[in-house]
Amino acid sequence: MRAKILIVDDESAIRQMVCLALSQANYDCLEAADTSEAQTRILGDKPDLILLDWMLPGVSGVEYARRLRQQKLTQHIPVIMLTARTEEEDKIKGLDSGADDYITKPFSTRELLSRIRAQLRRVAPHAVETPVEVEGLALDPATHRVSAEGGELDLGPTEFRLLHFFMTHPERVHSRERLLDGVWGNNVYVEVRTVDVHIRRLRKALTSSGHDRLIQTVRGAGYRFSARH
């Protein structure tokens, strides 16, 4: 199930930009222009994370963050504050209000997605430990082992993370940039073509069991992990 992210911002251009990035990163995006609309979306959809603008009409983002922390329904939902304020005092005020993280405008979508992933990992660590299996290929994050046909496969740490990402996001076409975000995080020093090198290594490791066929190249788009022939 895709995580649902609620963006609360009175600027429609920012909401559109954020929602486009979230959609491309395989998240479901919910929108609200103020806290009243946000509350309606929360009650109806219960998002997994809230992106909250500081300066909102009526109730400010800071005040609303405090209210979210006081409500049983929302007290555990991660909140990332979005603001143009850059002073340390303002950052502290935002975090003290109940926000879990703080990002200043203008921000890159790459940084925003990295912070979102970090918050979602924090509140759902069990998801990282869940074993996955596709057509006899099994991966166990807890023991860091991959096996196929009863035998263990030897994968490097990056190939392991890459395979885990593919197996938990099957049947979707992932661009190299998306794989960098999902596997390497915000490591800006990794070049896009590095993905191809690790794809080749991963395929080689899966060749003995015949599972290399699951990693498909989609010309001009990227890669897909699929059990369909």
Protein backbone atom coordinates (compact mmCIF):
# COMPACT_ATOMS: atom_id res chain seq x y z
CA MET A 1 0.00 0.00 0.00
CA ARG A 2 1.33 3.44 -0.95
CA ALA A 3 1.92 5.95 1.81
CA LYS A 4 -0.45 8.93 1.82
CA ILE A 5 1.12 12.36 2.21
CA LEU A 6 -0.97 15.45 3.01
CA ILE A 7 0.41 18.81 1.82
CA VAL A 8 -1.13 21.79 3.63
CA ASP A 9 -0.19 25.01 1.87
CA ASP A 10 -2.26 27.98 0.68
CA GLU A 11 -0.09 28.38 -2.45
CA SER A 12 -1.53 26.15 -5.17
CA ALA A 13 1.71 26.23 -7.19
CA ILE A 14 3.64 24.70 -4.29
CA ARG A 15 0.97 22.05 -3.74
CA GLN A 16 1.08 21.12 -7.42
CA MET A 17 4.89 20.93 -7.45
CA VAL A 18 4.99 18.79 -4.32
CA CYS A 19 2.18 16.51 -5.47
CA LEU A 20 3.92 15.90 -8.79
CA ALA A 21 7.12 14.89 -6.99
CA LEU A 22 5.20 12.67 -4.57
CA SER A 23 3.31 10.96 -7.37
CA GLN A 24 6.53 10.26 -9.26
CA ALA A 25 7.97 8.77 -6.06
CA ASN A 26 4.96 6.44 -5.74
CA TYR A 27 3.22 8.25 -2.89
CA ASP A 28 -0.46 9.24 -2.81
CA CYS A 29 -0.80 13.01 -2.45
CA LEU A 30 -3.60 14.74 -0.56
CA GLU A 31 -4.05 18.53 -0.69
CA ALA A 32 -5.40 21.19 1.65
CA ALA A 33 -5.23 24.99 1.40
CA ASP A 34 -5.82 25.67 5.11
CA THR A 35 -6.15 23.90 8.45
CA SER A 36 -9.93 23.50 8.18
CA GLU A 37 -9.59 21.66 4.90
CA ALA A 38 -6.63 19.74 6.32
CA GLN A 39 -8.71 18.49 9.23
CA THR A 40 -11.37 17.22 6.83
CA ARG A 41 -8.75 15.34 4.79
CA ILE A 42 -7.19 13.88 7.93
CA LEU A 43 -10.53 12.59 9.23
CA GLY A 44 -11.45 11.12 5.85
CA ASP A 45 -8.11 9.73 4.66
CA LYS A 46 -5.76 9.59 7.69
CA PRO A 47 -2.46 10.43 5.98
CA ASP A 48 0.82 8.74 6.92
CA LEU A 49 2.69 12.07 6.98
CA ILE A 50 1.80 15.78 6.87
CA LEU A 51 3.73 18.53 5.09
CA LEU A 52 2.64 21.71 6.88
CA ASP A 53 3.26 25.28 5.76
CA TRP A 54 4.15 27.73 8.55
CA MET A 55 2.21 30.71 7.15
CA LEU A 56 -1.41 29.71 6.64
CA PRO A 57 -4.58 31.86 6.60
CA GLY A 58 -6.46 31.71 9.87
CA VAL A 59 -4.72 29.18 12.09
CA SER A 60 -0.94 29.17 11.53
CA GLY A 61 0.99 26.01 10.81
CA VAL A 62 2.79 26.28 14.15
CA GLU A 63 -0.48 26.45 16.08
CA TYR A 64 -1.98 23.65 14.02
CA ALA A 65 1.05 21.43 14.69
CA ARG A 66 0.38 21.89 18.41
CA ARG A 67 -3.25 20.87 17.93
CA LEU A 68 -2.26 17.80 15.93
CA ARG A 69 -0.06 16.64 18.80
CA GLN A 70 -2.97 17.02 21.22
CA GLN A 71 -5.37 14.87 19.20
CA LYS A 72 -5.27 11.10 19.65
CA LEU A 73 -5.93 10.53 15.94
CA THR A 74 -2.95 12.61 14.80
CA GLN A 75 -0.48 12.67 17.68
CA HIS A 76 1.77 10.04 16.07
CA ILE A 77 1.57 11.26 12.44
CA PRO A 78 4.95 12.75 11.38
CA VAL A 79 4.82 16.47 10.54
CA ILE A 80 7.40 18.24 8.38
CA MET A 81 7.17 22.03 8.57
CA LEU A 82 7.60 24.00 5.34
CA THR A 83 8.65 27.62 5.75
CA ALA A 84 10.58 30.52 4.28
CA ARG A 85 11.88 31.41 7.76
CA THR A 86 15.57 30.60 8.13
CA GLU A 87 16.46 31.91 11.59
CA GLU A 88 17.48 29.32 14.18
CA GLU A 89 14.91 30.71 16.63
CA ASP A 90 12.14 30.09 14.12
CA LYS A 91 13.36 26.54 13.49
CA ILE A 92 13.34 25.82 17.22
CA LYS A 93 9.85 27.30 17.52
CA GLY A 94 8.59 25.06 14.74
CA LEU A 95 10.11 21.93 16.25
CA ASP A 96 8.90 22.82 19.73
CA SER A 97 5.37 23.13 18.37
CA GLY A 98 5.41 19.43 17.57
CA ALA A 99 6.90 19.25 14.08
CA ASP A 100 9.26 16.31 13.49
CA ASP A 101 11.35 18.05 10.85
CA TYR A 102 11.77 21.43 9.21
CA ILE A 103 12.65 22.37 5.64
CA THR A 104 13.09 25.90 4.33
CA LYS A 105 11.74 27.27 1.07
CA PRO A 106 12.84 27.08 -1.64
CA PHE A 107 13.68 23.40 -1.29
CA SER A 108 14.58 20.70 -3.78
CA THR A 109 12.12 17.85 -4.26
CA ARG A 110 15.04 15.45 -3.83
CA GLU A 111 15.73 16.76 -0.34
CA LEU A 112 12.03 16.76 0.53
CA LEU A 113 11.61 13.13 -0.55
CA SER A 114 14.67 12.13 1.45
CA ARG A 115 13.25 13.74 4.60
CA ILE A 116 9.86 12.10 3.99
CA ARG A 117 11.47 8.67 3.69
CA ALA A 118 13.44 9.24 6.88
CA GLN A 119 10.29 10.10 8.82
CA LEU A 120 8.32 7.17 7.43
CA ARG A 121 11.15 4.78 8.33
CA ARG A 122 11.16 6.18 11.85
CA VAL A 123 7.47 5.51 12.46
CA ALA A 124 7.32 2.17 10.61
CA PRO A 125 10.60 0.34 11.25
CA HIS A 126 8.80 -3.01 11.06
CA ALA A 127 8.33 -2.50 7.32
CA VAL A 128 12.09 -2.57 6.84
CA GLU A 129 12.34 -5.94 8.61
CA THR A 130 9.58 -7.74 6.69
CA PRO A 131 10.86 -10.65 4.51
CA VAL A 132 9.78 -10.63 0.86
CA GLU A 133 9.57 -13.47 -1.67
CA VAL A 134 8.97 -13.51 -5.43
CA GLU A 135 8.95 -16.75 -7.45
CA GLY A 136 11.29 -18.58 -5.11
CA LEU A 137 13.62 -15.61 -4.61
CA ALA A 138 13.55 -14.71 -0.91
CA LEU A 139 15.06 -11.71 0.85
CA ASP A 140 15.20 -11.26 4.61
CA PRO A 141 16.19 -7.72 5.73
CA ALA A 142 16.60 -8.80 9.36
CA THR A 143 19.29 -11.39 8.59
CA HIS A 144 20.53 -9.66 5.42
CA ARG A 145 20.26 -12.91 3.45
CA VAL A 146 19.00 -13.67 -0.04
CA SER A 147 18.20 -17.22 -1.10
CA ALA A 148 16.85 -19.01 -4.15
CA GLU A 149 16.11 -22.68 -4.81
CA GLY A 150 17.24 -23.48 -1.27
CA GLY A 151 20.68 -21.93 -1.69
CA GLU A 152 22.02 -18.63 -0.41
CA LEU A 153 23.10 -15.96 -2.91
CA ASP A 154 26.10 -13.70 -2.39
CA LEU A 155 25.15 -10.02 -2.81
CA GLY A 156 27.08 -6.89 -1.92
CA PRO A 157 25.40 -4.35 0.39
CA THR A 158 24.34 -2.02 -2.44
CA GLU A 159 23.01 -4.89 -4.56
CA PHE A 160 21.10 -6.10 -1.49
CA ARG A 161 19.45 -2.69 -1.00
CA LEU A 162 18.72 -2.46 -4.72
CA LEU A 163 17.07 -5.89 -4.77
CA HIS A 164 15.08 -5.06 -1.63
CA PHE A 165 13.82 -1.87 -3.30
CA PHE A 166 12.85 -3.76 -6.47
CA MET A 167 11.08 -6.55 -4.58
CA THR A 168 9.06 -4.10 -2.46
CA HIS A 169 8.19 -1.94 -5.50
CA PRO A 170 7.41 -4.50 -8.25
CA GLU A 171 5.76 -3.98 -11.63
CA ARG A 172 6.69 -0.30 -11.76
CA VAL A 173 9.14 1.39 -14.08
CA HIS A 174 11.82 3.16 -12.04
CA SER A 175 14.06 5.79 -13.59
CA ARG A 176 17.73 5.86 -12.58
CA GLU A 177 17.03 9.02 -10.59
CA ARG A 178 14.21 7.27 -8.72
CA LEU A 179 16.49 4.34 -7.90
CA LEU A 180 19.13 6.75 -6.63
CA ASP A 181 16.55 8.32 -4.32
CA GLY A 182 15.21 5.01 -3.12
CA VAL A 183 18.48 3.10 -2.68
CA TRP A 184 21.20 5.69 -2.15
CA GLY A 185 19.05 8.36 -0.47
CA ASN A 186 20.37 11.91 -0.61
CA ASN A 187 23.95 10.96 -1.46
CA VAL A 188 24.54 13.62 -4.12
CA TYR A 189 27.99 12.26 -4.95
CA VAL A 190 26.62 9.15 -6.66
CA GLU A 191 26.34 9.55 -10.42
CA VAL A 192 23.21 8.39 -12.22
CA ARG A 193 25.11 5.87 -14.36
CA THR A 194 26.34 4.17 -11.19
CA VAL A 195 22.89 2.56 -11.10
CA ASP A 196 23.69 0.63 -14.29
CA VAL A 197 26.86 -0.80 -12.76
CA HIS A 198 25.00 -2.16 -9.75
CA ILE A 199 22.16 -3.46 -11.91
CA ARG A 200 24.73 -5.51 -13.86
CA ARG A 201 26.23 -6.84 -10.60
CA LEU A 202 22.81 -7.72 -9.25
CA ARG A 203 21.82 -9.53 -12.43
CA LYS A 204 25.07 -11.48 -12.36
CA ALA A 205 24.39 -12.56 -8.76
CA LEU A 206 20.90 -13.73 -9.72
CA THR A 207 21.96 -15.57 -12.89
CA SER A 208 22.68 -18.93 -11.22
CA SER A 209 19.06 -19.26 -10.08
CA GLY A 210 17.57 -17.74 -13.23
CA HIS A 211 16.06 -14.79 -11.37
CA ASP A 212 18.09 -12.25 -13.35
CA ARG A 213 15.16 -12.28 -15.81
CA LEU A 214 13.02 -10.51 -13.20
CA ILE A 215 15.01 -7.30 -13.68
CA GLN A 216 13.89 -5.84 -16.98
CA THR A 217 15.33 -2.90 -18.87
CA VAL A 218 12.68 -0.49 -20.15
CA ARG A 219 14.30 1.36 -23.01
CA GLY A 220 14.41 5.11 -22.48
CA ALA A 221 12.71 4.87 -19.07
CA GLY A 222 14.71 2.79 -16.60
CA TYR A 223 14.19 -0.61 -14.97
CA ARG A 224 11.32 -2.76 -13.80
CA PHE A 225 11.16 -5.78 -11.47
CA SER A 226 8.49 -8.09 -12.81
CA ALA A 227 7.55 -11.77 -12.60
CA ARG A 228 5.46 -11.44 -15.75
CA HIS A 229 6.89 -12.98 -18.89
